[in-house]
Amino acid sequence: MVSILWPSRGTYSTFVHAHLKHLPTKTQILYGGNFPRFYGDCEPLESRNLFYRIFRKIAVSVFKVPSDTFQKRGLIRFLVKNEVDVVLAEMPQIAAAVLPSVRAAQKPLVVYFRGNDPARDPELAKIPYSELFQYATAIFAVSRDLERQLLQLGAPPSKLFYNPSGVDVSIFRGGDPARTPPVFLCVGRFVDKKGPHLTLLAFKHVVDVLPDARLLMIGEGKLWESCKILAKALKVTGSVEFLGYQSHDQVAEIMGRVRAVVQHSVQTSYGAVEGTPCAIMEAGASGLPVVATKHAGIADVVIHGETGFLVEEGDIEGMARYMIRLASDPELAGRMGQASQKRIRSEFSLEKRINLLWLQIKDYVKP
């Protein structure tokens, strides 16, 4: 069995869903923060035994034993009792928090690095990388840029693997940009690093040249209301539609009726960075060109001038020029979309990426 560690239950990211569903072995999600406290339907990792709870309360309140001592023992007990074969930490801060318990239980630990600058993100900077790298069985980086950073931090090359999340090509496949109107799509959380406000500023230039162009924005987040206000200030509310949250199937359907996907990702001053955005891969799988920034894993996926266009972070005018070019030339969009689809199916399919993960852990998993 593979125990998959993630902060919360019911709000799994795409890649967590993929690992739970597609790994060819039994999986179990553990959750409850950076250090997991629950499994299943809110079942606690610590014992519910009455005498244990009384003893724990006395130890913590009277003898000042740190409460996390019991949490760590609860995790050790779960891993041993349930004969867990591999612990898969989907975030490095989770891996660092559980490292002592996993080591005590003598279980292999696999860790994913999915974004953010390890040196500038305050939470990631606290991680004892040398200790984590030494114990980990395998370390996965979802972008080449992140892979280079981890090598600089001392990750052993023999343990480090480039492995973005991948995309389910059976769901994302219906785009036809050569025959769709000049409608652009932006998919992602409304947060600083995804730069939805910068996408809006670029789209303003597009509408000034091509009044029939439209922009659909999927997602929610702390910048959602600010972007709606910005759209109003730019006088493009009639050309922009804020669709909020959409399911995977809904996103796939919408990708089937747009010209291209756009995203202006940027690195923030506090170290927030993309990994390899799923929406970029989903666009390619759908047969759509992408206009985005030369940011993190985006540059691993999009080949400039062949499967889409890339600009420097903050280059709003450049982004607008490429959007106008695709809006004005549906045949170009069609050719780029076909090339993009071929590349995603070959290099970034979910099947290929799950197989790479499985290759590194299968020897530890009992039949």
Protein backbone atom coordinates (compact mmCIF):
# COMPACT_ATOMS: atom_id res chain seq x y z
CA MET A 1 0.00 0.00 0.00
CA VAL A 2 1.10 3.55 -0.73
CA SER A 3 0.17 6.19 1.85
CA ILE A 4 -0.27 9.55 0.11
CA LEU A 5 0.23 12.60 2.33
CA TRP A 6 -1.64 15.82 1.56
CA PRO A 7 -2.69 18.74 3.82
CA SER A 8 -6.47 18.49 3.51
CA ARG A 9 -9.23 16.05 2.68
CA GLY A 10 -11.61 16.71 -0.19
CA THR A 11 -9.54 19.48 -1.78
CA TYR A 12 -7.05 17.32 -3.63
CA SER A 13 -5.10 18.83 -6.47
CA THR A 14 -5.19 17.22 -9.90
CA PHE A 15 -1.98 15.30 -9.30
CA VAL A 16 -3.19 13.87 -5.97
CA HIS A 17 -6.36 12.61 -7.65
CA ALA A 18 -4.20 11.06 -10.35
CA HIS A 19 -2.00 9.22 -7.86
CA LEU A 20 -4.96 7.98 -5.83
CA LYS A 21 -6.78 6.76 -8.92
CA HIS A 22 -4.08 5.53 -11.26
CA LEU A 23 -1.22 4.05 -9.23
CA PRO A 24 -1.51 0.28 -9.80
CA THR A 25 -1.68 -0.57 -6.12
CA LYS A 26 -3.78 0.18 -3.05
CA THR A 27 -3.54 3.80 -1.92
CA GLN A 28 -4.58 5.60 1.27
CA ILE A 29 -4.75 9.36 1.82
CA LEU A 30 -3.43 10.78 5.10
CA TYR A 31 -4.28 14.41 5.84
CA GLY A 32 -4.70 17.11 8.46
CA GLY A 33 -1.99 19.70 7.82
CA ASN A 34 1.70 19.40 7.10
CA PHE A 35 1.76 16.61 9.67
CA PRO A 36 -1.14 14.22 8.95
CA ARG A 37 -3.56 13.47 11.76
CA PHE A 38 -6.36 11.60 9.97
CA TYR A 39 -7.07 8.93 7.38
CA GLY A 40 -10.23 7.64 5.74
CA ASP A 41 -13.41 9.31 6.97
CA CYS A 42 -11.75 11.52 9.60
CA GLU A 43 -10.34 8.54 11.47
CA PRO A 44 -7.55 9.75 13.79
CA LEU A 45 -4.06 8.30 13.45
CA GLU A 46 -3.73 8.38 17.23
CA SER A 47 -5.51 5.77 19.30
CA ARG A 48 -9.08 6.42 20.49
CA ASN A 49 -8.56 4.22 23.52
CA LEU A 50 -9.89 5.96 26.64
CA PHE A 51 -6.88 5.08 28.79
CA TYR A 52 -4.55 6.36 26.06
CA ARG A 53 -6.40 9.68 25.86
CA ILE A 54 -6.26 10.10 29.65
CA PHE A 55 -2.56 9.27 29.70
CA ARG A 56 -1.93 11.69 26.81
CA LYS A 57 -3.78 14.51 28.57
CA ILE A 58 -1.83 14.03 31.79
CA ALA A 59 1.49 13.77 29.96
CA VAL A 60 0.87 16.99 28.01
CA SER A 61 -0.71 19.10 30.79
CA VAL A 62 1.23 17.87 33.81
CA PHE A 63 4.56 16.64 32.53
CA LYS A 64 4.71 19.08 29.58
CA VAL A 65 5.36 16.39 27.00
CA PRO A 66 4.99 18.05 23.56
CA SER A 67 1.72 17.00 21.93
CA ASP A 68 3.47 16.35 18.65
CA THR A 69 5.29 13.48 20.35
CA PHE A 70 2.02 11.58 20.40
CA GLN A 71 1.15 12.63 16.85
CA LYS A 72 4.46 11.23 15.63
CA ARG A 73 3.87 7.99 17.50
CA GLY A 74 0.40 7.79 15.99
CA LEU A 75 1.82 8.01 12.49
CA ILE A 76 4.48 5.39 13.26
CA ARG A 77 1.80 3.08 14.63
CA PHE A 78 -0.39 3.53 11.55
CA LEU A 79 2.44 2.88 9.10
CA VAL A 80 3.55 -0.28 10.89
CA LYS A 81 0.11 -1.67 11.75
CA ASN A 82 -1.22 -1.17 8.19
CA GLU A 83 1.95 -2.54 6.62
CA VAL A 84 2.39 0.56 4.46
CA ASP A 85 4.96 -0.09 1.76
CA VAL A 86 5.77 3.47 0.65
CA VAL A 87 5.04 6.95 1.99
CA LEU A 88 4.44 9.47 -0.80
CA ALA A 89 4.64 13.08 0.44
CA GLU A 90 3.11 15.34 -2.20
CA MET A 91 4.82 18.45 -0.79
CA PRO A 92 8.36 18.88 0.63
CA GLN A 93 7.20 20.56 3.84
CA ILE A 94 5.06 17.49 4.56
CA ALA A 95 8.03 15.22 3.85
CA ALA A 96 10.20 17.19 6.26
CA ALA A 97 7.55 17.08 9.00
CA VAL A 98 7.02 13.32 8.82
CA LEU A 99 10.65 12.36 8.21
CA PRO A 100 11.43 11.28 11.83
CA SER A 101 8.29 9.13 12.02
CA VAL A 102 8.79 7.53 8.61
CA ARG A 103 12.39 6.80 9.46
CA ALA A 104 11.39 5.27 12.81
CA ALA A 105 8.84 3.09 11.02
CA GLN A 106 11.55 2.13 8.52
CA LYS A 107 9.40 2.96 5.49
CA PRO A 108 10.61 4.32 2.12
CA LEU A 109 9.84 8.03 1.62
CA VAL A 110 9.14 9.58 -1.78
CA VAL A 111 8.79 13.36 -2.02
CA TYR A 112 7.45 15.68 -4.72
CA PHE A 113 8.66 19.24 -5.23
CA ARG A 114 5.94 21.07 -7.15
CA GLY A 115 6.89 24.74 -7.25
CA ASN A 116 8.01 27.73 -5.23
CA ASP A 117 11.61 28.75 -4.82
CA PRO A 118 13.21 26.53 -2.12
CA ALA A 119 15.59 29.34 -1.18
CA ARG A 120 13.09 32.23 -1.08
CA ASP A 121 9.87 30.66 0.14
CA PRO A 122 9.97 31.15 3.95
CA GLU A 123 8.39 27.77 4.67
CA LEU A 124 10.60 25.81 2.28
CA ALA A 125 13.76 27.55 3.50
CA LYS A 126 13.33 25.87 6.90
CA ILE A 127 13.52 22.34 5.51
CA PRO A 128 16.61 20.30 6.49
CA TYR A 129 17.39 19.40 2.89
CA SER A 130 20.53 17.36 3.46
CA GLU A 131 18.74 15.12 5.96
CA LEU A 132 15.68 14.79 3.72
CA PHE A 133 17.72 14.07 0.60
CA GLN A 134 19.80 11.47 2.41
CA TYR A 135 16.80 9.46 3.60
CA ALA A 136 14.42 9.87 0.63
CA THR A 137 14.16 6.96 -1.75
CA ALA A 138 13.17 9.18 -4.67
CA ILE A 139 12.78 12.94 -5.22
CA PHE A 140 10.57 14.26 -7.99
CA ALA A 141 10.73 17.75 -9.51
CA VAL A 142 7.89 18.88 -11.76
CA SER A 143 10.00 21.33 -13.79
CA ARG A 144 13.54 21.44 -15.12
CA ASP A 145 14.09 24.73 -13.32
CA LEU A 146 13.12 23.15 -10.01
CA GLU A 147 15.31 20.15 -10.82
CA ARG A 148 18.31 22.48 -11.22
CA GLN A 149 17.55 24.20 -7.92
CA LEU A 150 17.35 20.89 -6.07
CA LEU A 151 20.68 19.79 -7.52
CA GLN A 152 22.19 23.03 -6.22
CA LEU A 153 20.72 22.27 -2.78
CA GLY A 154 22.49 18.91 -2.79
CA ALA A 155 19.89 16.46 -4.07
CA PRO A 156 21.70 13.29 -5.25
CA PRO A 157 21.35 13.01 -9.05
CA SER A 158 20.68 9.27 -8.69
CA LYS A 159 17.56 9.99 -6.62
CA LEU A 160 16.28 13.04 -8.50
CA PHE A 161 13.76 12.67 -11.33
CA TYR A 162 12.04 15.21 -13.58
CA ASN A 163 8.37 14.27 -13.62
CA PRO A 164 5.56 16.79 -14.21
CA SER A 165 2.05 15.71 -13.29
CA GLY A 166 0.90 14.90 -16.81
CA VAL A 167 -2.57 15.14 -18.33
CA ASP A 168 -5.33 12.65 -19.04
CA VAL A 169 -5.34 12.74 -22.84
CA SER A 170 -8.61 10.78 -22.96
CA ILE A 171 -10.44 13.78 -21.46
CA PHE A 172 -8.62 16.70 -23.11
CA ARG A 173 -8.75 16.17 -26.85
CA GLY A 174 -11.53 18.16 -28.53
CA GLY A 175 -9.99 21.52 -29.53
CA ASP A 176 -10.21 22.85 -33.08
CA PRO A 177 -8.65 26.33 -33.03
CA ALA A 178 -8.67 26.70 -36.83
CA ARG A 179 -12.48 26.71 -36.76
CA THR A 180 -13.29 28.53 -33.53
CA PRO A 181 -13.84 32.27 -33.04
CA PRO A 182 -11.09 34.45 -31.50
CA VAL A 183 -11.84 33.42 -27.92
CA PHE A 184 -9.00 33.02 -25.41
CA LEU A 185 -9.12 30.96 -22.24
CA CYS A 186 -7.25 31.44 -18.94
CA VAL A 187 -7.46 28.59 -16.41
CA GLY A 188 -6.07 28.73 -12.89
CA ARG A 189 -6.42 30.09 -9.38
CA PHE A 190 -6.62 33.85 -9.10
CA VAL A 191 -3.35 34.22 -7.19
CA ASP A 192 -0.24 36.36 -7.60
CA LYS A 193 2.00 33.80 -9.32
CA LYS A 194 -0.55 33.07 -12.06
CA GLY A 195 -0.82 36.77 -12.95
CA PRO A 196 -4.50 36.93 -13.99
CA HIS A 197 -4.37 40.73 -13.76
CA LEU A 198 -1.46 40.78 -16.24
CA THR A 199 -3.44 38.58 -18.63
CA LEU A 200 -6.27 41.12 -18.43
CA LEU A 201 -3.89 43.99 -19.20
CA ALA A 202 -2.61 42.13 -22.26
CA PHE A 203 -6.14 41.33 -23.40
CA LYS A 204 -7.03 45.02 -23.25
CA HIS A 205 -4.52 45.60 -26.09
CA VAL A 206 -6.11 42.76 -28.05
CA VAL A 207 -9.61 44.21 -27.79
CA ASP A 208 -8.36 47.61 -28.89
CA VAL A 209 -7.24 46.00 -32.17
CA LEU A 210 -9.84 43.23 -32.47
CA PRO A 211 -13.11 44.24 -30.77
CA ASP A 212 -14.66 40.82 -31.43
CA ALA A 213 -12.05 38.99 -29.32
CA ARG A 214 -13.20 37.48 -26.01
CA LEU A 215 -11.51 36.15 -22.90
CA LEU A 216 -12.89 33.43 -20.63
CA MET A 217 -11.36 33.17 -17.15
CA ILE A 218 -11.82 29.99 -15.11
CA GLY A 219 -10.89 29.79 -11.44
CA GLU A 220 -11.28 31.38 -8.04
CA GLY A 221 -8.94 32.98 -5.54
CA LYS A 222 -7.98 36.09 -3.62
CA LEU A 223 -7.48 38.17 -6.80
CA TRP A 224 -10.84 37.27 -8.34
CA GLU A 225 -12.69 40.40 -7.22
CA SER A 226 -9.69 42.63 -7.96
CA CYS A 227 -9.60 41.27 -11.51
CA LYS A 228 -13.31 41.94 -11.98
CA ILE A 229 -12.72 45.52 -10.84
CA LEU A 230 -9.73 45.80 -13.19
CA ALA A 231 -11.79 44.53 -16.13
CA LYS A 232 -14.34 47.22 -15.39
CA ALA A 233 -11.65 49.91 -15.18
CA LEU A 234 -10.19 48.74 -18.51
CA LYS A 235 -13.67 48.84 -20.06
CA VAL A 236 -13.50 45.23 -21.23
CA THR A 237 -16.29 43.74 -19.10
CA GLY A 238 -18.32 43.08 -22.24
CA SER A 239 -15.49 40.98 -23.64
CA VAL A 240 -14.42 39.09 -20.51
CA GLU A 241 -16.38 36.37 -18.75
CA PHE A 242 -15.44 35.22 -15.23
CA LEU A 243 -16.65 31.62 -15.04
CA GLY A 244 -15.46 30.76 -11.53
CA TYR A 245 -14.75 27.15 -10.62
CA GLN A 246 -15.30 24.55 -13.35
CA SER A 247 -14.87 20.78 -13.19
CA HIS A 248 -12.31 18.94 -15.30
CA ASP A 249 -15.00 17.84 -17.73
CA GLN A 250 -16.31 21.40 -18.01
CA VAL A 251 -12.81 22.76 -18.65
CA ALA A 252 -12.28 20.13 -21.36
CA GLU A 253 -15.57 21.11 -23.00
CA ILE A 254 -14.70 24.81 -22.94
CA MET A 255 -11.27 24.11 -24.43
CA GLY A 256 -13.09 22.58 -27.35
CA ARG A 257 -14.50 25.95 -28.37
CA VAL A 258 -11.65 28.46 -27.93
CA ARG A 259 -8.73 29.62 -30.09
CA ALA A 260 -5.91 29.42 -27.52
CA VAL A 261 -5.03 29.25 -23.82
CA VAL A 262 -3.19 32.17 -22.20
CA GLN A 263 -1.42 32.51 -18.86
CA HIS A 264 0.94 35.20 -17.58
CA SER A 265 2.71 33.38 -14.72
CA VAL A 266 5.33 35.29 -12.72
CA GLN A 267 7.65 34.69 -9.77
CA THR A 268 6.68 36.72 -6.71
CA SER A 269 8.97 38.52 -4.29
CA TYR A 270 8.13 35.94 -1.62
CA GLY A 271 9.21 32.97 -3.74
CA ALA A 272 5.89 31.76 -5.13
CA VAL A 273 6.60 29.97 -8.42
CA GLU A 274 4.66 27.62 -10.67
CA GLY A 275 5.66 24.02 -11.15
CA THR A 276 4.36 22.90 -14.51
CA PRO A 277 0.77 24.20 -14.69
CA CYS A 278 -1.73 21.49 -15.57
CA ALA A 279 -3.77 23.94 -17.65
CA ILE A 280 -0.84 24.41 -20.03
CA MET A 281 -0.59 20.66 -20.61
CA GLU A 282 -4.37 20.29 -20.86
CA ALA A 283 -4.44 22.98 -23.53
CA GLY A 284 -1.86 21.13 -25.58
CA ALA A 285 -3.67 17.82 -25.15
CA SER A 286 -6.81 19.55 -26.40
CA GLY A 287 -4.99 20.67 -29.55
CA LEU A 288 -4.66 24.33 -28.57
CA PRO A 289 -1.70 26.69 -28.87
CA VAL A 290 -0.57 28.48 -25.72
CA VAL A 291 0.56 32.05 -25.14
CA ALA A 292 2.38 32.27 -21.82
CA THR A 293 5.52 33.42 -20.04
CA LYS A 294 8.98 31.84 -19.93
CA HIS A 295 8.28 30.75 -16.41
CA ALA A 296 9.28 27.55 -14.58
CA GLY A 297 7.82 24.43 -16.22
CA ILE A 298 5.87 26.30 -18.87
CA ALA A 299 9.06 26.60 -20.89
CA ASP A 300 9.49 22.81 -20.66
CA VAL A 301 6.13 22.23 -22.31
CA VAL A 302 5.64 25.04 -24.83
CA ILE A 303 8.04 25.27 -27.77
CA HIS A 304 8.14 28.91 -28.85
CA GLY A 305 7.00 29.38 -32.43
CA GLU A 306 5.97 25.73 -32.78
CA THR A 307 3.35 24.85 -30.17
CA GLY A 308 2.71 28.38 -28.94
CA PHE A 309 4.42 31.61 -27.99
CA LEU A 310 6.45 32.57 -24.92
CA VAL A 311 7.26 36.03 -23.58
CA GLU A 312 9.28 37.33 -20.67
CA GLU A 313 7.49 37.82 -17.35
CA GLY A 314 5.80 41.21 -17.35
CA ASP A 315 5.89 41.63 -21.16
CA ILE A 316 2.24 42.58 -21.56
CA GLU A 317 2.69 44.08 -25.02
CA GLY A 318 4.48 40.98 -26.29
CA MET A 319 1.75 38.73 -24.98
CA ALA A 320 -0.87 40.91 -26.66
CA ARG A 321 0.98 40.77 -30.00
CA TYR A 322 0.96 36.98 -30.03
CA MET A 323 -2.69 36.84 -28.98
CA ILE A 324 -3.55 39.19 -31.85
CA ARG A 325 -1.53 37.04 -34.23
CA LEU A 326 -3.43 33.89 -33.27
CA ALA A 327 -6.76 35.71 -33.29
CA SER A 328 -6.05 36.99 -36.82
CA ASP A 329 -4.70 33.72 -38.23
CA PRO A 330 -6.85 30.67 -37.40
CA GLU A 331 -4.78 28.46 -39.71
CA LEU A 332 -1.65 29.24 -37.70
CA ALA A 333 -3.54 28.44 -34.51
CA GLY A 334 -4.62 25.14 -36.04
CA ARG A 335 -1.08 24.12 -37.03
CA MET A 336 0.32 25.06 -33.64
CA GLY A 337 -2.50 23.22 -31.91
CA GLN A 338 -1.78 20.03 -33.81
CA ALA A 339 1.92 20.26 -32.96
CA SER A 340 1.05 20.95 -29.33
CA GLN A 341 -1.26 17.95 -29.13
CA LYS A 342 1.38 15.65 -30.61
CA ARG A 343 3.96 16.85 -28.10
CA ILE A 344 1.71 16.46 -25.06
CA ARG A 345 0.56 12.97 -26.06
CA SER A 346 4.18 11.92 -26.57
CA GLU A 347 5.87 13.53 -23.56
CA PHE A 348 3.32 14.66 -20.98
CA SER A 349 0.54 12.08 -20.86
CA LEU A 350 -0.69 11.05 -17.42
CA GLU A 351 0.08 7.42 -18.25
CA LYS A 352 3.73 8.17 -18.96
CA ARG A 353 4.17 10.23 -15.80
CA ILE A 354 2.41 7.70 -13.53
CA ASN A 355 4.58 4.96 -15.03
CA LEU A 356 7.75 6.90 -14.14
CA LEU A 357 6.59 7.30 -10.54
CA TRP A 358 5.61 3.64 -10.33
CA LEU A 359 8.97 2.59 -11.74
CA GLN A 360 10.71 4.17 -8.73
CA ILE A 361 8.46 2.67 -6.05
CA LYS A 362 7.21 -0.67 -7.39
CA ASP A 363 10.08 -2.68 -5.93
CA TYR A 364 9.03 -1.60 -2.44
CA VAL A 365 5.33 -2.47 -2.88
CA LYS A 366 4.24 -5.95 -1.90
CA PRO A 367 2.11 -7.80 -4.49
